[in-house]
N, C-alpha and C. Protein backbone atom coordinates (compact mmCIF):
# COMPACT_ATOMS: atom_id res chain seq x y z
N UNK A 1 131.95 234.58 65.67
CA UNK A 1 133.20 233.86 65.44
C UNK A 1 132.68 232.28 65.38
N UNK A 2 132.91 231.49 64.61
CA UNK A 2 132.62 229.88 64.73
C UNK A 2 133.50 229.12 65.58
N UNK A 3 133.22 228.48 66.53
CA UNK A 3 133.72 227.63 67.40
C UNK A 3 134.45 226.28 66.57
N UNK A 4 135.48 225.77 66.91
CA UNK A 4 136.16 224.66 66.44
C UNK A 4 135.25 223.70 66.45
N UNK A 5 134.37 223.28 67.25
CA UNK A 5 133.43 222.22 67.35
C UNK A 5 132.20 222.50 66.36
N UNK A 6 131.77 223.82 66.39
CA UNK A 6 130.84 223.92 65.28
C UNK A 6 131.31 223.81 63.99
N UNK A 7 132.71 224.18 63.61
CA UNK A 7 133.31 223.90 62.22
C UNK A 7 133.39 222.55 61.99
N UNK A 8 133.85 221.82 63.06
CA UNK A 8 134.10 220.44 62.71
C UNK A 8 132.70 219.92 62.21
N UNK A 9 131.65 220.08 63.03
CA UNK A 9 130.08 219.68 62.99
C UNK A 9 129.74 220.03 61.23
N UNK A 10 130.15 221.18 60.88
CA UNK A 10 129.76 221.55 59.50
C UNK A 10 130.64 221.08 58.46
N UNK A 11 131.83 220.67 58.81
CA UNK A 11 132.79 220.08 57.89
C UNK A 11 132.04 218.56 57.69
N UNK A 12 131.70 217.94 58.65
CA UNK A 12 131.36 216.44 58.95
C UNK A 12 130.22 216.42 58.11
N UNK A 13 129.07 217.15 58.40
CA UNK A 13 127.97 217.20 57.64
C UNK A 13 128.19 217.43 56.14
N UNK A 14 129.05 218.18 55.81
CA UNK A 14 129.44 218.75 53.98
C UNK A 14 130.22 217.33 53.71
N UNK A 15 130.86 216.65 54.24
CA UNK A 15 131.17 215.48 54.02
C UNK A 15 130.35 214.45 53.70
N UNK A 16 129.77 214.27 54.66
CA UNK A 16 128.27 213.22 54.38
C UNK A 16 127.45 213.50 53.45
N UNK A 17 126.96 214.89 53.26
CA UNK A 17 126.30 215.13 52.19
C UNK A 17 127.02 215.04 50.61
N UNK A 18 128.40 215.31 51.03
CA UNK A 18 128.96 215.08 49.67
C UNK A 18 129.16 213.71 49.30
N UNK A 19 129.43 212.80 50.17
CA UNK A 19 129.21 211.27 49.72
C UNK A 19 127.90 210.93 49.44
N UNK A 20 127.12 211.48 50.16
CA UNK A 20 125.35 210.67 49.95
C UNK A 20 124.91 211.28 48.36
N UNK A 21 125.42 212.81 48.17
CA UNK A 21 125.38 212.99 46.80
C UNK A 21 125.56 212.25 45.72
N UNK A 22 126.86 211.97 45.78
CA UNK A 22 127.65 210.96 44.71
C UNK A 22 126.70 209.29 44.97
N UNK A 23 126.38 208.99 45.81
CA UNK A 23 125.70 207.87 45.78
C UNK A 23 124.22 207.94 45.20
N UNK A 24 123.67 209.48 45.33
CA UNK A 24 122.07 209.48 44.54
C UNK A 24 122.53 209.80 43.36
N UNK A 25 123.48 210.37 42.93
CA UNK A 25 123.68 210.68 41.42
C UNK A 25 123.80 209.16 40.85
N UNK A 26 124.74 208.38 41.40
CA UNK A 26 124.90 207.16 40.71
C UNK A 26 123.81 206.38 40.77
N UNK A 27 123.01 206.24 41.91
CA UNK A 27 121.69 205.51 41.64
C UNK A 27 120.67 205.99 40.74
N UNK A 28 120.69 207.23 40.65
CA UNK A 28 119.74 207.93 39.58
C UNK A 28 120.19 207.42 38.12
N UNK A 29 121.40 207.58 37.96
CA UNK A 29 122.09 207.10 36.64
C UNK A 29 121.92 205.50 36.30
N UNK A 30 122.07 204.79 37.39
CA UNK A 30 121.88 203.07 37.27
C UNK A 30 120.42 203.11 37.05
N UNK A 31 119.55 204.05 37.70
CA UNK A 31 118.08 203.61 37.25
C UNK A 31 117.50 203.93 36.03
N UNK A 32 118.15 205.08 35.28
CA UNK A 32 118.00 205.40 33.67
C UNK A 32 118.49 204.48 33.05
N UNK A 33 119.88 204.01 33.11
CA UNK A 33 120.44 203.13 32.35
C UNK A 33 119.46 201.59 32.65
N UNK A 34 119.00 201.42 33.74
CA UNK A 34 118.25 200.08 33.72
C UNK A 34 117.08 200.24 32.97
N UNK A 35 116.26 201.46 32.80
CA UNK A 35 114.93 201.81 32.23
C UNK A 35 115.38 201.52 30.95
N UNK A 36 116.52 202.06 30.24
CA UNK A 36 116.57 202.12 29.18
C UNK A 36 117.15 200.65 28.55
N UNK A 37 117.90 200.13 29.35
CA UNK A 37 118.01 198.65 28.92
C UNK A 37 116.80 197.77 28.77
N UNK A 38 115.85 197.92 30.04
CA UNK A 38 114.49 197.22 29.74
C UNK A 38 113.88 197.65 28.42
N UNK A 39 113.91 198.95 28.28
CA UNK A 39 112.75 199.09 27.05
C UNK A 39 113.62 198.62 25.68
N UNK A 40 114.92 199.02 25.71
CA UNK A 40 115.42 198.51 24.18
C UNK A 40 115.44 196.53 24.17
N UNK A 41 115.32 195.98 25.37
CA UNK A 41 115.08 194.30 25.39
C UNK A 41 113.49 194.34 25.40
N UNK A 42 112.79 194.87 25.80
CA UNK A 42 111.34 194.68 25.45
C UNK A 42 110.90 195.14 24.01
N UNK A 43 111.77 196.17 23.31
CA UNK A 43 111.34 196.49 21.71
C UNK A 43 112.12 195.28 20.79
N UNK A 44 113.20 194.71 21.31
CA UNK A 44 113.54 193.54 20.51
C UNK A 44 112.64 192.30 20.68
N UNK A 45 111.88 192.31 21.85
CA UNK A 45 111.25 191.10 22.11
C UNK A 45 109.95 191.07 21.14
N UNK A 46 109.42 192.56 21.30
CA UNK A 46 108.22 192.93 20.78
C UNK A 46 108.13 192.64 19.13
N UNK A 47 109.58 192.87 18.58
CA UNK A 47 109.80 192.75 17.20
C UNK A 47 109.65 191.41 16.88
N UNK A 48 110.26 190.45 17.60
CA UNK A 48 110.36 188.89 17.36
C UNK A 48 108.92 188.26 17.57
N UNK A 49 108.16 188.91 18.58
CA UNK A 49 106.81 188.28 18.64
C UNK A 49 106.01 188.73 17.51
N UNK A 50 106.08 190.00 16.82
CA UNK A 50 105.43 190.34 15.72
C UNK A 50 105.66 189.59 14.51
N UNK A 51 107.34 189.26 14.46
CA UNK A 51 107.41 188.37 13.15
C UNK A 51 106.86 187.05 13.36
N UNK A 52 106.86 186.51 14.41
CA UNK A 52 106.36 185.17 14.66
C UNK A 52 104.73 185.22 14.48
N UNK A 53 104.16 186.35 14.75
CA UNK A 53 102.65 186.37 14.31
C UNK A 53 102.54 186.67 12.85
N UNK A 54 103.04 187.46 12.22
CA UNK A 54 103.20 187.57 10.77
C UNK A 54 103.49 186.12 9.93
N UNK A 55 104.58 185.29 10.55
CA UNK A 55 104.63 183.96 10.12
C UNK A 55 103.25 183.04 10.42
N UNK A 56 103.03 182.93 11.58
CA UNK A 56 101.69 182.11 11.78
C UNK A 56 100.77 182.62 11.13
N UNK A 57 100.28 183.82 10.76
CA UNK A 57 98.96 184.31 9.81
C UNK A 57 99.16 183.63 8.47
N UNK A 58 100.67 183.87 8.09
CA UNK A 58 100.78 183.26 6.54
C UNK A 58 100.37 181.93 6.49
N UNK A 59 100.76 181.08 7.39
CA UNK A 59 100.62 179.77 7.55
C UNK A 59 99.32 179.32 7.71
N UNK A 60 98.55 180.15 8.52
CA UNK A 60 97.28 179.99 8.86
C UNK A 60 96.33 180.26 7.63
N UNK A 61 96.71 181.43 6.80
CA UNK A 61 95.98 181.36 5.60
C UNK A 61 96.51 180.61 4.35
N UNK A 62 97.62 180.04 4.42
CA UNK A 62 98.07 179.17 3.26
C UNK A 62 99.03 177.77 4.20
N UNK A 63 97.86 177.21 4.70
CA UNK A 63 98.81 176.12 5.47
C UNK A 63 99.59 175.11 4.61
N UNK A 64 99.62 175.09 3.29
CA UNK A 64 100.57 174.25 2.39
C UNK A 64 101.89 175.14 2.25
N UNK A 65 101.77 176.32 2.69
CA UNK A 65 103.13 177.20 2.78
C UNK A 65 103.82 177.07 4.12
N UNK A 66 104.46 175.68 4.24
CA UNK A 66 105.10 175.71 5.52
C UNK A 66 106.53 176.23 5.64
N UNK A 67 107.30 176.49 4.41
CA UNK A 67 108.78 176.60 4.46
C UNK A 67 109.02 178.34 4.06
N UNK A 68 108.93 178.99 5.07
CA UNK A 68 108.66 180.66 5.08
C UNK A 68 110.05 181.03 5.31
N UNK A 69 110.80 182.04 4.44
CA UNK A 69 111.50 182.76 5.13
C UNK A 69 111.38 184.24 4.49
N UNK A 70 111.55 185.21 5.67
CA UNK A 70 111.45 186.55 5.34
C UNK A 70 111.91 187.51 6.24
N UNK A 71 112.12 188.77 5.80
CA UNK A 71 112.85 189.82 6.73
C UNK A 71 112.37 191.10 6.59
N UNK A 72 112.69 191.98 7.44
CA UNK A 72 112.18 193.33 6.59
C UNK A 72 112.29 194.25 8.22
N UNK A 73 112.12 195.30 8.03
CA UNK A 73 112.27 196.52 9.04
C UNK A 73 111.24 196.60 9.82
N UNK A 74 111.10 197.03 10.91
CA UNK A 74 109.84 197.43 11.86
C UNK A 74 110.31 198.02 13.30
N UNK A 75 109.32 198.91 13.52
CA UNK A 75 109.46 199.68 14.78
C UNK A 75 110.83 200.20 15.12
N UNK A 76 111.61 200.55 14.47
CA UNK A 76 113.07 201.15 14.81
C UNK A 76 113.82 199.84 14.76
N UNK A 77 113.69 199.06 14.30
CA UNK A 77 114.48 197.66 14.34
C UNK A 77 114.24 196.50 12.88
N UNK A 78 114.58 195.46 13.23
CA UNK A 78 114.51 194.64 12.01
C UNK A 78 113.93 193.28 12.49
N UNK A 79 113.40 192.53 11.64
CA UNK A 79 112.87 191.12 11.83
C UNK A 79 113.46 190.25 10.92
N UNK A 80 113.43 189.01 11.12
CA UNK A 80 113.42 187.87 9.98
C UNK A 80 112.57 186.69 10.75
N UNK A 81 112.35 185.90 10.28
CA UNK A 81 111.77 184.54 10.38
C UNK A 81 111.51 183.44 9.33
N UNK A 82 111.65 182.24 9.87
CA UNK A 82 111.66 180.90 9.10
C UNK A 82 110.74 180.16 9.77
N UNK A 83 110.47 179.37 8.78
CA UNK A 83 109.67 178.02 9.46
C UNK A 83 110.12 176.62 8.59
N UNK A 84 109.69 175.47 9.45
CA UNK A 84 110.21 174.48 8.58
C UNK A 84 109.28 173.18 9.59
N UNK A 85 109.23 171.82 8.77
CA UNK A 85 108.45 171.17 9.51
C UNK A 85 108.88 170.65 10.71
N UNK A 86 108.48 170.22 11.82
CA UNK A 86 109.15 169.75 13.17
C UNK A 86 109.16 168.19 12.76
N UNK A 87 110.01 167.66 12.69
CA UNK A 87 109.90 166.14 12.58
C UNK A 87 110.33 165.31 13.79
N UNK A 88 110.37 165.88 14.89
CA UNK A 88 110.86 165.29 16.16
C UNK A 88 109.88 164.23 16.45
N UNK A 89 108.42 164.19 16.16
CA UNK A 89 107.59 163.13 16.92
C UNK A 89 107.22 162.37 15.28
N UNK A 90 107.65 162.89 14.16
CA UNK A 90 107.19 162.63 12.96
C UNK A 90 105.90 163.08 12.76
N UNK A 91 105.03 164.08 13.44
CA UNK A 91 103.97 164.67 12.82
C UNK A 91 104.13 165.81 12.26
N UNK A 92 102.78 166.52 12.39
CA UNK A 92 102.78 167.75 11.03
C UNK A 92 102.86 169.12 11.45
N UNK A 93 103.47 169.19 12.71
CA UNK A 93 103.84 170.34 13.59
C UNK A 93 104.76 171.30 12.54
N UNK A 94 104.45 172.56 12.84
CA UNK A 94 105.48 173.49 12.04
C UNK A 94 106.27 174.37 13.00
N UNK A 95 107.46 174.39 13.06
CA UNK A 95 108.28 175.34 13.90
C UNK A 95 108.75 176.69 13.39
N UNK A 96 108.23 177.65 14.10
CA UNK A 96 108.62 178.89 13.55
C UNK A 96 109.57 179.67 14.35
N UNK A 97 111.02 179.93 13.65
CA UNK A 97 111.95 180.98 14.42
C UNK A 97 111.86 182.40 14.00
N UNK A 98 111.61 183.17 14.85
CA UNK A 98 111.78 184.60 14.80
C UNK A 98 112.68 185.21 15.56
N UNK A 99 113.27 186.16 15.02
CA UNK A 99 114.34 187.09 15.33
C UNK A 99 113.92 188.48 15.19
N UNK A 100 114.21 189.16 16.43
CA UNK A 100 113.80 190.51 16.44
C UNK A 100 115.29 191.44 17.02
N UNK A 101 115.62 192.32 16.21
CA UNK A 101 116.71 193.08 16.43
C UNK A 101 116.33 194.73 16.46
N UNK A 102 116.61 195.12 17.67
CA UNK A 102 116.69 196.59 17.86
C UNK A 102 117.79 197.17 17.96
N UNK A 103 117.71 198.29 17.34
CA UNK A 103 119.23 199.42 17.42
C UNK A 103 119.34 200.31 18.54
N UNK A 104 119.83 199.62 19.62
CA UNK A 104 119.97 200.36 20.90
C UNK A 104 121.34 201.31 20.88
N UNK A 105 121.27 201.93 21.82
CA UNK A 105 122.24 202.94 21.98
C UNK A 105 123.64 202.60 22.14
N UNK A 106 123.80 201.27 22.85
CA UNK A 106 125.20 200.80 22.57
C UNK A 106 125.22 199.56 21.83
N UNK A 107 124.39 199.45 20.87
CA UNK A 107 124.59 198.37 19.98
C UNK A 107 123.35 197.70 19.98
N UNK A 108 123.22 196.47 18.81
CA UNK A 108 121.88 196.01 18.77
C UNK A 108 121.64 195.05 19.88
N UNK A 109 120.33 195.07 20.21
CA UNK A 109 119.70 193.90 21.01
C UNK A 109 118.96 192.93 20.28
N UNK A 110 119.06 191.83 20.62
CA UNK A 110 118.72 190.64 19.67
C UNK A 110 117.68 189.66 20.47
N UNK A 111 116.54 189.32 20.11
CA UNK A 111 115.58 188.38 20.79
C UNK A 111 115.56 187.21 19.89
N UNK A 112 114.89 186.15 20.31
CA UNK A 112 114.36 185.24 19.43
C UNK A 112 113.26 184.57 19.96
N UNK A 113 112.30 184.41 19.56
CA UNK A 113 110.88 183.74 20.01
C UNK A 113 110.74 182.41 19.01
N UNK A 114 110.55 181.33 19.52
CA UNK A 114 110.30 179.94 18.69
C UNK A 114 108.81 179.74 18.98
N UNK A 115 107.80 179.28 17.87
CA UNK A 115 106.70 179.02 18.02
C UNK A 115 106.43 177.63 17.27
N UNK A 116 105.70 176.68 17.96
CA UNK A 116 105.47 175.45 17.51
C UNK A 116 103.76 175.47 17.22
N UNK A 117 104.03 175.30 15.84
CA UNK A 117 102.25 175.20 15.46
C UNK A 117 101.68 173.79 14.78
N UNK A 118 100.49 173.59 15.48
CA UNK A 118 100.11 172.30 15.49
C UNK A 118 98.57 172.19 14.71
N UNK A 119 98.38 171.43 13.72
CA UNK A 119 97.24 171.80 13.26
C UNK A 119 95.85 171.43 14.07
N UNK A 120 94.69 171.96 13.95
CA UNK A 120 93.70 171.82 14.76
C UNK A 120 93.14 170.26 14.78
N UNK A 121 93.19 169.30 15.65
CA UNK A 121 92.80 168.40 15.42
C UNK A 121 90.93 168.06 15.33
N UNK A 122 90.42 167.17 14.43
CA UNK A 122 89.29 167.24 14.14
C UNK A 122 88.54 166.64 15.53
N UNK A 123 89.08 165.74 16.14
CA UNK A 123 88.45 165.27 17.66
C UNK A 123 88.34 166.42 18.49
N UNK A 124 88.82 167.39 18.37
CA UNK A 124 88.45 168.50 19.48
C UNK A 124 87.09 169.18 19.20
N UNK A 125 86.23 168.72 18.16
CA UNK A 125 85.06 169.25 17.47
C UNK A 125 84.14 168.24 18.02
N UNK A 126 82.94 168.85 18.56
CA UNK A 126 81.75 167.78 18.65
C UNK A 126 80.92 167.54 17.23
N UNK A 127 81.12 168.88 16.48
CA UNK A 127 80.74 168.69 15.03
C UNK A 127 81.58 169.42 14.31
N UNK A 128 81.99 168.99 13.28
CA UNK A 128 82.79 169.51 11.96
C UNK A 128 82.18 169.24 10.73
N UNK A 129 82.01 170.34 9.81
CA UNK A 129 81.69 169.94 8.29
C UNK A 129 82.39 170.84 7.39
N UNK A 130 82.70 170.24 6.34
CA UNK A 130 83.13 171.10 5.23
C UNK A 130 81.90 171.98 4.55
N UNK A 131 80.66 171.54 4.46
CA UNK A 131 79.66 172.40 3.95
C UNK A 131 78.53 171.60 4.55
N UNK A 132 77.47 172.86 4.98
CA UNK A 132 76.11 172.42 5.80
C UNK A 132 75.16 171.96 4.51
N UNK A 133 75.25 172.47 3.22
CA UNK A 133 74.38 171.99 2.36
C UNK A 133 72.96 172.45 2.87
N UNK A 134 72.79 173.82 3.12
CA UNK A 134 71.57 174.03 3.73
C UNK A 134 70.79 173.27 4.61
N UNK A 135 71.30 172.43 5.92
CA UNK A 135 70.80 172.22 6.86
C UNK A 135 70.78 173.07 7.70
N UNK A 136 69.75 173.19 8.41
CA UNK A 136 69.53 174.05 9.60
C UNK A 136 69.79 173.29 10.95
N UNK A 137 70.06 174.23 11.67
CA UNK A 137 70.30 173.76 13.16
C UNK A 137 68.88 174.52 13.69
N UNK A 138 68.30 173.92 14.52
CA UNK A 138 66.86 174.10 14.72
C UNK A 138 66.59 174.26 16.25
N UNK A 139 65.58 174.89 16.87
CA UNK A 139 65.46 174.64 18.09
C UNK A 139 65.03 173.40 18.64
N UNK A 140 65.75 173.03 19.74
CA UNK A 140 65.66 171.48 20.28
C UNK A 140 67.03 170.76 19.94
N UNK A 141 67.78 171.58 18.93
CA UNK A 141 68.98 171.12 18.54
C UNK A 141 70.08 171.48 19.90
N UNK A 142 70.86 170.44 20.44
CA UNK A 142 71.77 171.04 21.39
C UNK A 142 73.14 170.36 21.35
N UNK A 143 74.09 170.94 20.87
CA UNK A 143 75.37 170.30 20.96
C UNK A 143 76.37 170.73 22.16
N UNK A 144 76.85 169.64 22.64
CA UNK A 144 77.97 169.89 23.76
C UNK A 144 79.31 169.86 23.20
N UNK A 145 80.18 170.97 23.18
CA UNK A 145 81.18 171.16 22.50
C UNK A 145 81.35 172.04 21.42
N UNK A 146 82.59 172.31 20.70
CA UNK A 146 82.62 173.32 19.94
C UNK A 146 82.32 172.60 18.17
N UNK A 147 81.67 173.66 17.76
CA UNK A 147 81.27 173.46 16.28
C UNK A 147 81.94 174.35 15.30
N UNK A 148 82.12 173.54 14.03
CA UNK A 148 82.72 174.50 13.01
C UNK A 148 82.24 173.97 11.53
N UNK A 149 81.96 174.87 10.71
CA UNK A 149 81.74 174.36 9.30
C UNK A 149 82.62 175.43 8.37
N UNK A 150 82.95 174.84 7.55
CA UNK A 150 83.79 175.68 6.53
C UNK A 150 83.00 176.07 5.31
N UNK A 151 81.61 176.16 5.80
CA UNK A 151 80.44 176.92 4.96
C UNK A 151 79.52 178.04 5.50
N UNK A 152 78.51 177.64 5.19
CA UNK A 152 77.76 178.65 6.35
C UNK A 152 76.89 177.81 7.23
N UNK A 153 76.71 178.52 8.24
CA UNK A 153 76.04 178.10 9.48
C UNK A 153 74.61 178.26 9.36
N UNK A 154 73.35 177.45 8.95
CA UNK A 154 72.20 177.95 8.89
C UNK A 154 71.60 177.59 10.27
N UNK A 155 70.76 178.66 10.68
CA UNK A 155 69.85 178.49 12.04
C UNK A 155 68.53 178.97 11.86
N UNK A 156 67.57 178.08 12.13
CA UNK A 156 66.12 178.35 12.37
C UNK A 156 65.79 177.97 13.71
N UNK A 157 65.28 179.15 14.24
CA UNK A 157 64.92 179.14 15.87
C UNK A 157 66.07 179.35 16.53
N UNK A 158 66.24 178.53 17.92
CA UNK A 158 67.05 178.64 18.90
C UNK A 158 67.70 177.41 19.25
N UNK A 159 68.79 177.19 18.20
CA UNK A 159 69.71 175.96 18.76
C UNK A 159 70.63 176.42 19.83
N UNK A 160 70.98 175.39 20.52
CA UNK A 160 72.15 175.57 21.62
C UNK A 160 73.06 174.84 21.51
N UNK A 161 74.18 175.42 21.35
CA UNK A 161 75.87 174.96 21.34
C UNK A 161 76.44 175.28 22.70
N UNK A 162 76.76 174.10 23.14
CA UNK A 162 77.32 174.15 24.57
C UNK A 162 79.00 174.09 24.41
N UNK A 163 79.50 175.34 23.71
CA UNK A 163 80.73 175.65 23.08
C UNK A 163 80.98 176.50 22.27
N UNK A 164 81.89 176.79 21.62
CA UNK A 164 82.24 177.85 20.55
C UNK A 164 81.67 177.32 19.27
N UNK A 165 81.44 178.41 18.55
CA UNK A 165 80.90 177.89 17.18
C UNK A 165 81.44 179.00 16.06
N UNK A 166 81.94 178.38 14.76
CA UNK A 166 82.74 179.12 13.82
C UNK A 166 82.43 178.67 12.72
N UNK A 167 82.55 179.46 11.55
CA UNK A 167 82.10 179.20 10.39
C UNK A 167 83.09 180.21 9.32
N UNK A 168 83.28 179.63 8.41
CA UNK A 168 84.08 180.35 7.16
C UNK A 168 83.14 181.40 6.49
N UNK A 169 81.80 181.12 6.29
CA UNK A 169 81.07 182.15 5.32
C UNK A 169 79.66 182.67 6.14
N UNK A 170 80.01 182.91 7.58
CA UNK A 170 79.06 183.50 8.45
C UNK A 170 77.70 182.42 8.62
N UNK A 171 76.42 183.28 8.99
CA UNK A 171 75.07 182.39 9.19
C UNK A 171 74.34 182.85 8.15
N UNK A 172 73.19 182.17 8.27
CA UNK A 172 72.15 182.38 7.38
C UNK A 172 70.79 181.94 8.41
N UNK A 173 70.05 183.16 8.75
CA UNK A 173 70.08 184.50 8.42
C UNK A 173 71.53 185.22 8.76
N UNK A 174 71.70 185.94 7.86
CA UNK A 174 73.21 186.68 8.10
C UNK A 174 73.10 187.52 9.20
N UNK A 175 72.14 188.03 9.75
CA UNK A 175 72.35 188.81 11.04
C UNK A 175 71.66 188.27 12.14
N UNK A 176 72.27 187.68 13.32
CA UNK A 176 71.36 186.93 14.40
C UNK A 176 71.62 187.78 15.67
N UNK A 177 70.54 187.70 16.56
CA UNK A 177 69.14 187.17 16.33
C UNK A 177 68.53 188.26 15.20
N UNK A 178 67.50 187.77 14.79
CA UNK A 178 66.60 188.43 13.59
C UNK A 178 65.53 188.64 14.08
N UNK A 179 64.55 189.17 13.22
CA UNK A 179 62.95 189.80 13.58
C UNK A 179 62.40 188.43 13.98
N UNK A 180 62.40 187.40 13.51
CA UNK A 180 61.81 186.24 13.49
C UNK A 180 62.18 185.24 15.03
N UNK A 181 63.33 185.91 15.63
CA UNK A 181 63.30 185.23 16.77
C UNK A 181 64.80 184.15 16.41
N UNK A 182 65.13 184.00 15.23
CA UNK A 182 66.15 183.04 15.38
C UNK A 182 67.67 183.62 15.96
N UNK A 183 68.04 182.67 16.44
CA UNK A 183 69.41 183.10 17.41
C UNK A 183 69.92 181.83 17.49
N UNK A 184 71.48 181.75 17.73
CA UNK A 184 72.34 180.78 18.15
C UNK A 184 73.03 181.14 19.46
N UNK A 185 72.53 180.12 20.48
CA UNK A 185 73.13 179.98 21.98
C UNK A 185 74.21 179.27 22.03
N UNK A 186 75.40 180.13 21.95
CA UNK A 186 76.78 179.36 22.21
C UNK A 186 77.73 180.48 23.05
N UNK A 187 78.68 179.80 23.38
CA UNK A 187 79.52 180.58 24.50
C UNK A 187 80.44 181.60 23.50
N UNK A 188 80.44 181.33 22.45
CA UNK A 188 80.98 182.31 21.49
C UNK A 188 81.11 181.78 19.71
N UNK A 189 80.88 183.06 19.00
CA UNK A 189 80.83 182.84 17.75
C UNK A 189 81.69 183.85 16.75
N UNK A 190 82.37 183.10 16.04
CA UNK A 190 83.30 183.89 14.88
C UNK A 190 83.20 183.56 13.51
N UNK A 191 82.95 184.41 12.65
CA UNK A 191 82.65 184.39 11.23
C UNK A 191 84.17 184.24 10.58
N UNK A 192 84.17 183.89 9.45
CA UNK A 192 85.71 183.95 8.79
C UNK A 192 86.64 182.99 8.92
N UNK A 193 86.35 182.05 9.90
CA UNK A 193 87.30 180.99 10.20
C UNK A 193 87.30 179.84 8.98
N UNK A 194 88.51 179.55 8.57
CA UNK A 194 88.79 178.63 7.50
C UNK A 194 89.67 177.40 8.10
N UNK A 195 89.01 176.28 8.45
CA UNK A 195 89.92 174.95 8.93
C UNK A 195 89.92 174.08 7.85
N UNK A 196 91.08 174.16 7.01
CA UNK A 196 90.92 173.34 5.83
C UNK A 196 91.27 171.83 6.26
N UNK A 197 90.90 170.56 5.73
CA UNK A 197 90.65 169.64 5.61
C UNK A 197 91.99 169.02 4.78
N UNK A 198 93.38 168.49 5.61
CA UNK A 198 94.47 168.27 4.85
C UNK A 198 94.65 166.84 5.34
N UNK A 199 95.23 166.11 4.11
CA UNK A 199 95.73 164.82 4.48
C UNK A 199 97.28 164.92 4.39
N UNK A 200 97.95 164.65 5.71
CA UNK A 200 99.41 164.90 5.68
C UNK A 200 100.16 163.65 5.89
């Protein structure tokens, strides 16, 4: 036989655990909803960033093509982007506006990314050329700052570039270092980089 006191304690604990279980269920549901909302928002943002990258890449490969307008499907959603001259300061910047839309459970999530692209100024380079005309960088040559050529970078010996080096058509010799000890000392090197000279 259960006494009244024990019965009240059992009923009290039942009531407490009943209320607590409702709280735990609600917390669990909210956590799941928060995770889904975060996932959907992140997906929409990633689609917009990808669209901005597509636009930037298109402009990089064809700098004259600054008025873009494009849309498509991507990663469970859709994207669109457009670009135009940014005339706020009268300079030659291009403003890219990319919109990512993700089809979520309770409707579409939309995110917008804007990117301002500016041409790389020549004054940031310690050396810039459109063509090296078979002029070799040799042992003893030292340059402080970045180097770029829209041609081939010719190397004989061990020249030192205290900065990054880029070229459109690789190096001569094609593989550095080579068996003769020719090498290019620089902070980084990248081939296939074209920086057109435009008068805007």
